[in-house]
Amino acid sequence: MDLSADQLSAAVAESAAIVRAGFAERPRAAIILGTGLGSLAEHIAIDAEWSYRDLPHFARSTADGHRGRLLAGRLADVPILAMDGRFHAYEGYSFSQITFPIRVFAELGTSFLIVSNASGGLNPTLHSGDILLIDDHINLMGEHAAPRPSNSVLDGRSNRPLPDGRGTASDGSHYDDRLLTLSEQIARQENIPLRRGTYIAMLGPNYETRAEYRWLRTLGDVVGMSTVPEVLAAGELGLPVVAFSMVTNVFRPDEAQQITSEEVIGAAANAEPNLRRIVTKLLTQATGCGLQATGNTCSP
C-alpha cells in the first residue's frame, strides 16, 4: 500500500466511516489481541463486528490463532475496539498495511492503545507463562519508522519532521509511562507477577538459532515477530501505548529444544486469564482518570 497523503487520508476515512456506522460510540481504547489473548474476545459485549475482508484497505490475518475480525463493543463497560488477530511482516505485509488499523483507530478518536503478543524468553530468569510489560524495544525488522505517505518528508515535499525514535511518552520511550505505572500497580493489587523489560522484534517467520539467541540475549529480554510496527505508528499519531508480552518458552541455548506454533499458542493461552484481569482493570482505571495523549497522571 504505497499511497499519497491524500489517498491514505481517504482510505482511513473510508474504513472509519464503516466502523462508525456500525458503532456510534467513541471508543475509549483499542486492543490488539495477539497470540493467546484471543479468548478475551469472549468477554466483550459485542455490538458490531467485521471480518477484515469486509473492511476496505485492511489486510488479512493468516497466522495460527488469529481469527481476522474487528470487534466493537464494551469490556468492563468501556467502549472499545479490538483486533481479533493482527497482521505480520512475515505474512508478506508492509509496515503500511500492518499499521493501517492504528490510523483508523486514531481517526475514530481512540484515547489509547493496548497491544499484546506472545514471545520467546531470552532472560534466563523468565519462565513460560510470565507476563512481560514492555518498556522499550529493539527493532530488527528492517524498517525503522512507521512509513509516511509517499509525498512526505521522505521525498522532500513535507515540512513534517521525521520521528526521532523516542515516541511521545513522557519518559522518552514509545511506551506511555502513565500506563506502565498503572499496569504495575494493578498487577500488585491483583497479586499477578508482572515483569518489565525490552522486546526485540525480528522479521520471522522462523524461530531463532542458538547463536541468534545468544546474541539477542545481550540486547533484550524477549523476542517476537510483531508489535513494533503498531507501536511506531501509534507514536507517530500521538496515541499512548501499553504493550504486554506473554512468554511462551524460555530458550536455553545449551539444551536441545524444539518449539511448535501449537505449543506457543497453548502456553500463551495459559497466561491469558492473568493478562485479561490486568487489561480489564486497566481499561476502567485509565479511562476513569481521563487518559489522553498528553498531560494526565493516572493512579488506581
C-alpha atoms as a PDB file:
ATOM      1  CA  MET A   1       0.000   0.000   0.000  1.00  0.00           C
ATOM      2  CA  ASP A   2       2.029   2.924  -1.333  1.00  0.00           C
ATOM      3  CA  LEU A   3      -0.377   5.828  -1.017  1.00  0.00           C
ATOM      4  CA  SER A   4      -0.043   9.570  -1.242  1.00  0.00           C
ATOM      5  CA  ALA A   5      -1.067  11.629   1.775  1.00  0.00           C
ATOM      6  CA  ASP A   6      -4.463  12.369   0.241  1.00  0.00           C
ATOM      7  CA  GLN A   7      -5.012   8.735  -0.741  1.00  0.00           C
ATOM      8  CA  LEU A   8      -4.082   7.486   2.730  1.00  0.00           C
ATOM      9  CA  SER A   9      -6.344  10.040   4.381  1.00  0.00           C
ATOM     10  CA  ALA A  10      -9.224   8.977   2.133  1.00  0.00           C
ATOM     11  CA  ALA A  11      -8.572   5.266   2.781  1.00  0.00           C
ATOM     12  CA  VAL A  12      -8.550   5.788   6.555  1.00  0.00           C
ATOM     13  CA  ALA A  13     -11.724   7.864   6.378  1.00  0.00           C
ATOM     14  CA  GLU A  14     -13.451   5.178   4.273  1.00  0.00           C
ATOM     15  CA  SER A  15     -12.733   2.398   6.763  1.00  0.00           C
ATOM     16  CA  ALA A  16     -13.511   4.614   9.757  1.00  0.00           C
ATOM     17  CA  ALA A  17     -16.879   5.549   8.273  1.00  0.00           C
ATOM     18  CA  ILE A  18     -17.888   1.879   8.053  1.00  0.00           C
ATOM     19  CA  VAL A  19     -16.945   1.272  11.680  1.00  0.00           C
ATOM     20  CA  ARG A  20     -18.641   4.466  12.823  1.00  0.00           C
ATOM     21  CA  ALA A  21     -21.863   3.480  11.029  1.00  0.00           C
ATOM     22  CA  GLY A  22     -21.979   0.231  12.990  1.00  0.00           C
ATOM     23  CA  PHE A  23     -20.757   1.557  16.330  1.00  0.00           C
ATOM     24  CA  ALA A  24     -21.849   5.074  17.221  1.00  0.00           C
ATOM     25  CA  GLU A  25     -19.865   5.389  20.474  1.00  0.00           C
ATOM     26  CA  ARG A  26     -16.378   6.844  20.542  1.00  0.00           C
ATOM     27  CA  PRO A  27     -14.032   4.003  21.509  1.00  0.00           C
ATOM     28  CA  ARG A  28     -12.042   4.848  24.608  1.00  0.00           C
ATOM     29  CA  ALA A  29      -9.380   2.287  23.800  1.00  0.00           C
ATOM     30  CA  ALA A  30      -8.283  -0.097  21.079  1.00  0.00           C
ATOM     31  CA  ILE A  31      -6.848  -3.524  21.858  1.00  0.00           C
ATOM     32  CA  ILE A  32      -4.746  -5.746  19.622  1.00  0.00           C
ATOM     33  CA  LEU A  33      -5.435  -9.322  20.689  1.00  0.00           C
ATOM     34  CA  GLY A  34      -2.219 -11.135  19.920  1.00  0.00           C
ATOM     35  CA  THR A  35      -1.429 -14.826  20.153  1.00  0.00           C
ATOM     36  CA  GLY A  36      -3.052 -16.313  23.231  1.00  0.00           C
ATOM     37  CA  LEU A  37      -5.246 -13.330  24.089  1.00  0.00           C
ATOM     38  CA  GLY A  38      -7.929 -14.064  21.514  1.00  0.00           C
ATOM     39  CA  SER A  39     -10.180 -15.545  24.205  1.00  0.00           C
ATOM     40  CA  LEU A  40     -10.564 -12.055  25.668  1.00  0.00           C
ATOM     41  CA  ALA A  41     -12.938 -11.501  22.755  1.00  0.00           C
ATOM     42  CA  GLU A  42     -15.375 -13.832  24.525  1.00  0.00           C
ATOM     43  CA  HIS A  43     -15.658 -11.307  27.361  1.00  0.00           C
ATOM     44  CA  ILE A  44     -16.518  -8.345  25.129  1.00  0.00           C
ATOM     45  CA  ALA A  45     -20.168  -7.342  24.886  1.00  0.00           C
ATOM     46  CA  ILE A  46     -20.064  -7.088  21.109  1.00  0.00           C
ATOM     47  CA  ASP A  47     -22.268  -4.513  19.380  1.00  0.00           C
ATOM     48  CA  ALA A  48     -20.757  -4.931  15.913  1.00  0.00           C
ATOM     49  CA  GLU A  49     -18.077  -6.976  14.196  1.00  0.00           C
ATOM     50  CA  TRP A  50     -16.483  -7.037  10.785  1.00  0.00           C
ATOM     51  CA  SER A  51     -14.331  -9.580   9.054  1.00  0.00           C
ATOM     52  CA  TYR A  52     -11.173  -7.888   7.839  1.00  0.00           C
ATOM     53  CA  ARG A  53     -12.163  -8.853   4.306  1.00  0.00           C
ATOM     54  CA  ASP A  54     -15.227  -6.604   4.679  1.00  0.00           C
ATOM     55  CA  LEU A  55     -13.217  -3.545   5.729  1.00  0.00           C
ATOM     56  CA  PRO A  56     -11.589  -1.711   2.820  1.00  0.00           C
ATOM     57  CA  HIS A  57      -7.787  -1.493   2.916  1.00  0.00           C
ATOM     58  CA  PHE A  58      -7.475  -3.969   5.812  1.00  0.00           C
ATOM     59  CA  ALA A  59      -5.099  -6.868   5.275  1.00  0.00           C
ATOM     60  CA  ARG A  60      -5.980 -10.494   6.083  1.00  0.00           C
ATOM     61  CA  SER A  61      -4.806 -12.486   9.113  1.00  0.00           C
ATOM     62  CA  THR A  62      -3.224 -15.790   8.126  1.00  0.00           C
ATOM     63  CA  ALA A  63      -1.250 -16.702  11.274  1.00  0.00           C
ATOM     64  CA  ASP A  64      -2.359 -19.524  13.570  1.00  0.00           C
ATOM     65  CA  GLY A  65      -4.760 -18.364  16.273  1.00  0.00           C
ATOM     66  CA  HIS A  66      -5.624 -15.052  14.554  1.00  0.00           C
ATOM     67  CA  ARG A  67      -9.293 -15.017  13.562  1.00  0.00           C
ATOM     68  CA  GLY A  68      -9.208 -11.843  11.486  1.00  0.00           C
ATOM     69  CA  ARG A  69     -12.059  -9.669  12.664  1.00  0.00           C
ATOM     70  CA  LEU A  70     -12.589  -6.242  14.177  1.00  0.00           C
ATOM     71  CA  LEU A  71     -14.856  -6.127  17.222  1.00  0.00           C
ATOM     72  CA  ALA A  72     -16.717  -3.112  18.589  1.00  0.00           C
ATOM     73  CA  GLY A  73     -18.422  -3.172  21.942  1.00  0.00           C
ATOM     74  CA  ARG A  74     -17.815  -2.917  25.660  1.00  0.00           C
ATOM     75  CA  LEU A  75     -15.348  -4.538  28.005  1.00  0.00           C
ATOM     76  CA  ALA A  76     -15.765  -3.698  31.694  1.00  0.00           C
ATOM     77  CA  ASP A  77     -18.430  -1.243  30.467  1.00  0.00           C
ATOM     78  CA  VAL A  78     -15.799   0.696  28.489  1.00  0.00           C
ATOM     79  CA  PRO A  79     -16.453   1.216  24.759  1.00  0.00           C
ATOM     80  CA  ILE A  80     -13.582  -0.353  22.841  1.00  0.00           C
ATOM     81  CA  LEU A  81     -12.402  -1.664  19.511  1.00  0.00           C
ATOM     82  CA  ALA A  82     -10.493  -4.935  19.417  1.00  0.00           C
ATOM     83  CA  MET A  83      -8.471  -6.535  16.655  1.00  0.00           C
ATOM     84  CA  ASP A  84      -9.089 -10.279  16.979  1.00  0.00           C
ATOM     85  CA  GLY A  85      -5.932 -11.128  15.079  1.00  0.00           C
ATOM     86  CA  ARG A  86      -3.181  -8.921  13.728  1.00  0.00           C
ATOM     87  CA  PHE A  87      -1.003  -8.683  10.617  1.00  0.00           C
ATOM     88  CA  HIS A  88       2.683  -9.607  10.463  1.00  0.00           C
ATOM     89  CA  ALA A  89       5.529  -8.690   8.182  1.00  0.00           C
ATOM     90  CA  TYR A  90       6.290 -12.385   7.719  1.00  0.00           C
ATOM     91  CA  GLU A  91       2.871 -12.775   6.097  1.00  0.00           C
ATOM     92  CA  GLY A  92       4.166 -10.550   3.310  1.00  0.00           C
ATOM     93  CA  TYR A  93       2.663  -7.279   4.537  1.00  0.00           C
ATOM     94  CA  SER A  94       4.397  -3.912   4.568  1.00  0.00           C
ATOM     95  CA  PHE A  95       4.543  -1.711   7.648  1.00  0.00           C
ATOM     96  CA  SER A  96       1.926   0.482   5.951  1.00  0.00           C
ATOM     97  CA  GLN A  97      -0.507  -2.423   5.734  1.00  0.00           C
ATOM     98  CA  ILE A  98       0.261  -3.655   9.252  1.00  0.00           C
ATOM     99  CA  THR A  99      -0.321  -0.235  10.778  1.00  0.00           C
ATOM    100  CA  PHE A 100      -3.356   0.840   8.761  1.00  0.00           C
ATOM    101  CA  PRO A 101      -5.812  -0.159  11.555  1.00  0.00           C
ATOM    102  CA  ILE A 102      -3.924   2.051  14.025  1.00  0.00           C
ATOM    103  CA  ARG A 103      -4.605   5.043  11.802  1.00  0.00           C
ATOM    104  CA  VAL A 104      -8.286   4.086  11.692  1.00  0.00           C
ATOM    105  CA  PHE A 105      -8.372   3.865  15.496  1.00  0.00           C
ATOM    106  CA  ALA A 106      -6.871   7.342  15.765  1.00  0.00           C
ATOM    107  CA  GLU A 107      -9.394   8.667  13.236  1.00  0.00           C
ATOM    108  CA  LEU A 108     -12.207   7.272  15.392  1.00  0.00           C
ATOM    109  CA  GLY A 109     -10.934   9.165  18.444  1.00  0.00           C
ATOM    110  CA  THR A 110      -9.408   6.322  20.429  1.00  0.00           C
ATOM    111  CA  SER A 111      -7.623   7.575  23.556  1.00  0.00           C
ATOM    112  CA  PHE A 112      -5.000   4.845  23.956  1.00  0.00           C
ATOM    113  CA  LEU A 113      -3.809   1.530  22.537  1.00  0.00           C
ATOM    114  CA  ILE A 114      -3.271  -1.783  24.328  1.00  0.00           C
ATOM    115  CA  VAL A 115      -1.085  -4.306  22.499  1.00  0.00           C
ATOM    116  CA  SER A 116      -0.438  -7.948  23.340  1.00  0.00           C
ATOM    117  CA  ASN A 117       1.816 -10.597  21.861  1.00  0.00           C
ATOM    118  CA  ALA A 118       3.472 -13.920  22.560  1.00  0.00           C
ATOM    119  CA  SER A 119       7.249 -14.083  22.764  1.00  0.00           C
ATOM    120  CA  GLY A 120      10.215 -16.307  23.390  1.00  0.00           C
ATOM    121  CA  GLY A 121      12.103 -15.634  26.602  1.00  0.00           C
ATOM    122  CA  LEU A 122      15.745 -14.581  26.413  1.00  0.00           C
ATOM    123  CA  ASN A 123      16.258 -13.555  30.023  1.00  0.00           C
ATOM    124  CA  PRO A 124      17.030 -16.795  31.922  1.00  0.00           C
ATOM    125  CA  THR A 125      15.090 -15.559  34.961  1.00  0.00           C
ATOM    126  CA  LEU A 126      11.851 -15.654  32.953  1.00  0.00           C
ATOM    127  CA  HIS A 127       9.531 -18.668  32.864  1.00  0.00           C
ATOM    128  CA  SER A 128       6.880 -19.936  30.484  1.00  0.00           C
ATOM    129  CA  GLY A 129       3.631 -18.180  31.341  1.00  0.00           C
ATOM    130  CA  ASP A 130       5.249 -14.987  32.648  1.00  0.00           C
ATOM    131  CA  ILE A 131       3.818 -11.661  31.511  1.00  0.00           C
ATOM    132  CA  LEU A 132       6.340  -9.015  30.492  1.00  0.00           C
ATOM    133  CA  LEU A 133       5.375  -5.354  30.483  1.00  0.00           C
ATOM    134  CA  ILE A 134       7.294  -3.921  27.517  1.00  0.00           C
ATOM    135  CA  ASP A 135       9.030  -0.660  28.388  1.00  0.00           C
ATOM    136  CA  ASP A 136      11.254  -0.459  25.303  1.00  0.00           C
ATOM    137  CA  HIS A 137      12.034  -2.325  22.120  1.00  0.00           C
ATOM    138  CA  ILE A 138      14.760  -3.029  19.598  1.00  0.00           C
ATOM    139  CA  ASN A 139      13.580  -3.088  16.002  1.00  0.00           C
ATOM    140  CA  LEU A 140      15.347  -5.696  13.860  1.00  0.00           C
ATOM    141  CA  MET A 141      12.533  -5.977  11.326  1.00  0.00           C
ATOM    142  CA  GLY A 142      14.224  -3.950   8.605  1.00  0.00           C
ATOM    143  CA  GLU A 143      12.029  -0.840   8.777  1.00  0.00           C
ATOM    144  CA  HIS A 144      12.727   1.813  11.364  1.00  0.00           C
ATOM    145  CA  ALA A 145       9.739   4.116  11.340  1.00  0.00           C
ATOM    146  CA  ALA A 146       6.050   3.905  10.719  1.00  0.00           C
ATOM    147  CA  PRO A 147       6.026   4.632   6.977  1.00  0.00           C
ATOM    148  CA  ARG A 148       4.972   8.033   5.773  1.00  0.00           C
ATOM    149  CA  PRO A 149       2.765   8.573   2.727  1.00  0.00           C
ATOM    150  CA  SER A 150       4.751   8.861  -0.479  1.00  0.00           C
ATOM    151  CA  ASN A 151       4.644  12.673  -0.539  1.00  0.00           C
ATOM    152  CA  SER A 152       6.041  13.002   2.991  1.00  0.00           C
ATOM    153  CA  VAL A 153       9.335  14.324   4.300  1.00  0.00           C
ATOM    154  CA  LEU A 154      10.995  11.178   2.960  1.00  0.00           C
ATOM    155  CA  ASP A 155      10.851  12.604  -0.539  1.00  0.00           C
ATOM    156  CA  GLY A 156      11.336  16.217   0.496  1.00  0.00           C
ATOM    157  CA  ARG A 157       7.822  17.555  -0.045  1.00  0.00           C
ATOM    158  CA  SER A 158       6.729  17.980   3.565  1.00  0.00           C
ATOM    159  CA  ASN A 159       7.917  20.047   6.498  1.00  0.00           C
ATOM    160  CA  ARG A 160       6.812  17.419   8.979  1.00  0.00           C
ATOM    161  CA  PRO A 161       9.883  16.126  10.858  1.00  0.00           C
ATOM    162  CA  LEU A 162      10.983  12.525  10.894  1.00  0.00           C
ATOM    163  CA  PRO A 163      10.270  10.637  14.134  1.00  0.00           C
ATOM    164  CA  ASP A 164      13.250  10.793  16.482  1.00  0.00           C
ATOM    165  CA  GLY A 165      12.886   7.202  17.730  1.00  0.00           C
ATOM    166  CA  ARG A 166      11.640   8.215  21.160  1.00  0.00           C
ATOM    167  CA  GLY A 167       7.897   8.448  20.548  1.00  0.00           C
ATOM    168  CA  THR A 168       5.640  10.699  22.595  1.00  0.00           C
ATOM    169  CA  ALA A 169       5.692   9.198  26.069  1.00  0.00           C
ATOM    170  CA  SER A 170       6.975  11.484  28.786  1.00  0.00           C
ATOM    171  CA  ASP A 171       9.706   9.037  29.800  1.00  0.00           C
ATOM    172  CA  GLY A 172      11.278   9.320  26.348  1.00  0.00           C
ATOM    173  CA  SER A 173      10.179   5.911  25.070  1.00  0.00           C
ATOM    174  CA  HIS A 174       7.436   4.671  22.774  1.00  0.00           C
ATOM    175  CA  TYR A 175       5.581   3.257  25.771  1.00  0.00           C
ATOM    176  CA  ASP A 176       3.498   5.587  27.911  1.00  0.00           C
ATOM    177  CA  ASP A 177       4.927   5.858  31.415  1.00  0.00           C
ATOM    178  CA  ARG A 178       1.485   6.566  32.929  1.00  0.00           C
ATOM    179  CA  LEU A 179       0.118   3.309  31.534  1.00  0.00           C
ATOM    180  CA  LEU A 180       3.251   1.420  32.552  1.00  0.00           C
ATOM    181  CA  THR A 181       2.952   2.637  36.129  1.00  0.00           C
ATOM    182  CA  LEU A 182      -0.765   1.966  36.284  1.00  0.00           C
ATOM    183  CA  SER A 183      -0.300  -1.571  34.914  1.00  0.00           C
ATOM    184  CA  GLU A 184       2.297  -2.349  37.574  1.00  0.00           C
ATOM    185  CA  GLN A 185       0.039  -1.011  40.331  1.00  0.00           C
ATOM    186  CA  ILE A 186      -2.881  -3.123  39.102  1.00  0.00           C
ATOM    187  CA  ALA A 187      -0.696  -6.234  38.908  1.00  0.00           C
ATOM    188  CA  ARG A 188       0.412  -5.720  42.517  1.00  0.00           C
ATOM    189  CA  GLN A 189      -3.188  -5.279  43.658  1.00  0.00           C
ATOM    190  CA  GLU A 190      -4.196  -8.473  41.836  1.00  0.00           C
ATOM    191  CA  ASN A 191      -1.137 -10.414  43.051  1.00  0.00           C
ATOM    192  CA  ILE A 192      -0.121 -11.102  39.468  1.00  0.00           C
ATOM    193  CA  PRO A 193       3.623 -11.304  38.789  1.00  0.00           C
ATOM    194  CA  LEU A 194       4.476  -8.739  36.128  1.00  0.00           C
ATOM    195  CA  ARG A 195       7.991  -8.360  34.785  1.00  0.00           C
ATOM    196  CA  ARG A 196       9.263  -5.366  32.861  1.00  0.00           C
ATOM    197  CA  GLY A 197      11.778  -5.365  30.030  1.00  0.00           C
ATOM    198  CA  THR A 198      12.830  -4.956  26.414  1.00  0.00           C
ATOM    199  CA  TYR A 199      11.136  -6.625  23.452  1.00  0.00           C
ATOM    200  CA  ILE A 200      13.177  -7.455  20.353  1.00  0.00           C
ATOM    201  CA  ALA A 201      11.267  -7.618  17.087  1.00  0.00           C
ATOM    202  CA  MET A 202      12.518  -9.935  14.341  1.00  0.00           C
ATOM    203  CA  LEU A 203      11.096 -10.333  10.856  1.00  0.00           C
ATOM    204  CA  GLY A 204      10.440 -14.092  11.083  1.00  0.00           C
ATOM    205  CA  PRO A 205       8.655 -16.373  10.473  1.00  0.00           C
ATOM    206  CA  ASN A 206      11.356 -18.707  11.722  1.00  0.00           C
ATOM    207  CA  TYR A 207      12.365 -19.254  15.329  1.00  0.00           C
ATOM    208  CA  GLU A 208      15.881 -18.145  16.160  1.00  0.00           C
ATOM    209  CA  THR A 209      19.020 -20.258  16.042  1.00  0.00           C
ATOM    210  CA  ARG A 210      21.115 -20.900  19.143  1.00  0.00           C
ATOM    211  CA  ALA A 211      23.700 -18.373  18.017  1.00  0.00           C
ATOM    212  CA  GLU A 212      20.991 -15.775  17.411  1.00  0.00           C
ATOM    213  CA  TYR A 213      19.514 -16.391  20.865  1.00  0.00           C
ATOM    214  CA  ARG A 214      22.915 -15.901  22.499  1.00  0.00           C
ATOM    215  CA  TRP A 215      23.343 -12.636  20.616  1.00  0.00           C
ATOM    216  CA  LEU A 216      19.795 -11.441  21.283  1.00  0.00           C
ATOM    217  CA  ARG A 217      20.179 -12.135  24.998  1.00  0.00           C
ATOM    218  CA  THR A 218      22.777  -9.346  25.109  1.00  0.00           C
ATOM    219  CA  LEU A 219      20.148  -6.957  23.711  1.00  0.00           C
ATOM    220  CA  GLY A 220      16.869  -7.654  25.481  1.00  0.00           C
ATOM    221  CA  ASP A 221      14.548  -9.869  27.480  1.00  0.00           C
ATOM    222  CA  VAL A 222      12.123 -11.404  24.963  1.00  0.00           C
ATOM    223  CA  VAL A 223      11.932 -11.826  21.203  1.00  0.00           C
ATOM    224  CA  GLY A 224       8.950 -11.897  18.864  1.00  0.00           C
ATOM    225  CA  MET A 225       7.717 -11.048  15.387  1.00  0.00           C
ATOM    226  CA  SER A 226       5.131  -8.291  15.878  1.00  0.00           C
ATOM    227  CA  THR A 227       4.122  -5.227  17.914  1.00  0.00           C
ATOM    228  CA  VAL A 228       6.850  -2.777  16.885  1.00  0.00           C
ATOM    229  CA  PRO A 229       5.117  -1.581  13.679  1.00  0.00           C
ATOM    230  CA  GLU A 230       1.897  -0.811  15.557  1.00  0.00           C
ATOM    231  CA  VAL A 231       3.772   0.901  18.379  1.00  0.00           C
ATOM    232  CA  LEU A 232       5.731   3.049  15.947  1.00  0.00           C
ATOM    233  CA  ALA A 233       2.570   4.114  14.149  1.00  0.00           C
ATOM    234  CA  ALA A 234       0.860   4.943  17.447  1.00  0.00           C
ATOM    235  CA  GLY A 235       3.854   7.059  18.433  1.00  0.00           C
ATOM    236  CA  GLU A 236       3.656   8.943  15.156  1.00  0.00           C
ATOM    237  CA  LEU A 237      -0.037   9.587  15.752  1.00  0.00           C
ATOM    238  CA  GLY A 238       0.417  10.645  19.387  1.00  0.00           C
ATOM    239  CA  LEU A 239      -1.557   7.660  20.665  1.00  0.00           C
ATOM    240  CA  PRO A 240      -0.426   6.433  24.127  1.00  0.00           C
ATOM    241  CA  VAL A 241       0.567   2.759  24.136  1.00  0.00           C
ATOM    242  CA  VAL A 242       0.973  -0.031  26.666  1.00  0.00           C
ATOM    243  CA  ALA A 243       2.162  -3.452  25.491  1.00  0.00           C
ATOM    244  CA  PHE A 244       2.208  -6.850  27.180  1.00  0.00           C
ATOM    245  CA  SER A 245       4.171  -9.896  26.079  1.00  0.00           C
ATOM    246  CA  MET A 246       3.282 -13.409  27.219  1.00  0.00           C
ATOM    247  CA  VAL A 247       6.386 -15.560  27.498  1.00  0.00           C
ATOM    248  CA  THR A 248       5.628 -18.930  25.917  1.00  0.00           C
ATOM    249  CA  ASN A 249       9.031 -20.541  26.343  1.00  0.00           C
ATOM    250  CA  VAL A 250      12.487 -19.615  27.592  1.00  0.00           C
ATOM    251  CA  PHE A 251      15.269 -20.703  25.301  1.00  0.00           C
ATOM    252  CA  ARG A 252      18.274 -22.451  26.812  1.00  0.00           C
ATOM    253  CA  PRO A 253      20.908 -22.430  24.054  1.00  0.00           C
ATOM    254  CA  ASP A 254      22.843 -25.323  25.590  1.00  0.00           C
ATOM    255  CA  GLU A 255      19.808 -27.628  25.756  1.00  0.00           C
ATOM    256  CA  ALA A 256      18.086 -29.413  22.886  1.00  0.00           C
ATOM    257  CA  GLN A 257      14.742 -27.676  22.348  1.00  0.00           C
ATOM    258  CA  GLN A 258      12.091 -27.568  19.663  1.00  0.00           C
ATOM    259  CA  ILE A 259       9.033 -25.344  19.877  1.00  0.00           C
ATOM    260  CA  THR A 260       5.930 -25.534  17.692  1.00  0.00           C
ATOM    261  CA  SER A 261       3.275 -22.936  16.946  1.00  0.00           C
ATOM    262  CA  GLU A 262       0.726 -25.111  18.800  1.00  0.00           C
ATOM    263  CA  GLU A 263       2.903 -25.033  21.925  1.00  0.00           C
ATOM    264  CA  VAL A 264       3.279 -21.265  21.656  1.00  0.00           C
ATOM    265  CA  ILE A 265      -0.489 -20.789  21.409  1.00  0.00           C
ATOM    266  CA  GLY A 266      -1.106 -23.178  24.303  1.00  0.00           C
ATOM    267  CA  ALA A 267       1.414 -21.536  26.621  1.00  0.00           C
ATOM    268  CA  ALA A 268       0.052 -18.075  25.837  1.00  0.00           C
ATOM    269  CA  ALA A 269      -3.488 -19.258  26.498  1.00  0.00           C
ATOM    270  CA  ASN A 270      -2.453 -20.486  29.951  1.00  0.00           C
ATOM    271  CA  ALA A 271      -1.278 -16.969  30.857  1.00  0.00           C
ATOM    272  CA  GLU A 272      -4.338 -15.302  29.348  1.00  0.00           C
ATOM    273  CA  PRO A 273      -6.561 -15.154  32.487  1.00  0.00           C
ATOM    274  CA  ASN A 274      -3.986 -13.071  34.366  1.00  0.00           C
ATOM    275  CA  LEU A 275      -3.435 -10.723  31.450  1.00  0.00           C
ATOM    276  CA  ARG A 276      -7.188 -10.396  30.961  1.00  0.00           C
ATOM    277  CA  ARG A 277      -7.541  -9.263  34.585  1.00  0.00           C
ATOM    278  CA  ILE A 278      -4.845  -6.634  34.151  1.00  0.00           C
ATOM    279  CA  VAL A 279      -6.246  -5.358  30.856  1.00  0.00           C
ATOM    280  CA  THR A 280      -9.809  -5.193  32.174  1.00  0.00           C
ATOM    281  CA  LYS A 281      -8.839  -3.139  35.217  1.00  0.00           C
ATOM    282  CA  LEU A 282      -6.505  -1.012  33.122  1.00  0.00           C
ATOM    283  CA  LEU A 283      -9.393  -0.097  30.848  1.00  0.00           C
ATOM    284  CA  THR A 284     -11.584   1.111  33.680  1.00  0.00           C
ATOM    285  CA  GLN A 285      -8.873   2.935  35.610  1.00  0.00           C
ATOM    286  CA  ALA A 286      -7.127   4.585  32.665  1.00  0.00           C
ATOM    287  CA  THR A 287     -10.482   5.669  31.277  1.00  0.00           C
ATOM    288  CA  GLY A 288     -11.571   6.913  34.685  1.00  0.00           C
ATOM    289  CA  CYS A 289      -8.556   9.185  35.011  1.00  0.00           C
ATOM    290  CA  GLY A 290      -9.257  10.720  31.612  1.00  0.00           C
ATOM    291  CA  LEU A 291      -6.108   9.492  29.869  1.00  0.00           C
ATOM    292  CA  GLN A 292      -5.383  11.421  26.710  1.00  0.00           C
ATOM    293  CA  ALA A 293      -2.290  11.810  24.560  1.00  0.00           C
ATOM    294  CA  THR A 294      -0.696  14.290  26.948  1.00  0.00           C
ATOM    295  CA  GLY A 295      -0.935  15.809  30.362  1.00  0.00           C
ATOM    296  CA  ASN A 296      -2.700  13.386  32.676  1.00  0.00           C
ATOM    297  CA  THR A 297      -1.400  11.347  35.573  1.00  0.00           C
ATOM    298  CA  CYS A 298      -3.221   8.103  36.292  1.00  0.00           C
ATOM    299  CA  SER A 299      -3.409   6.243  39.564  1.00  0.00           C
ATOM    300  CA  PRO A 300      -5.705   3.480  40.827  1.00  0.00           C
END
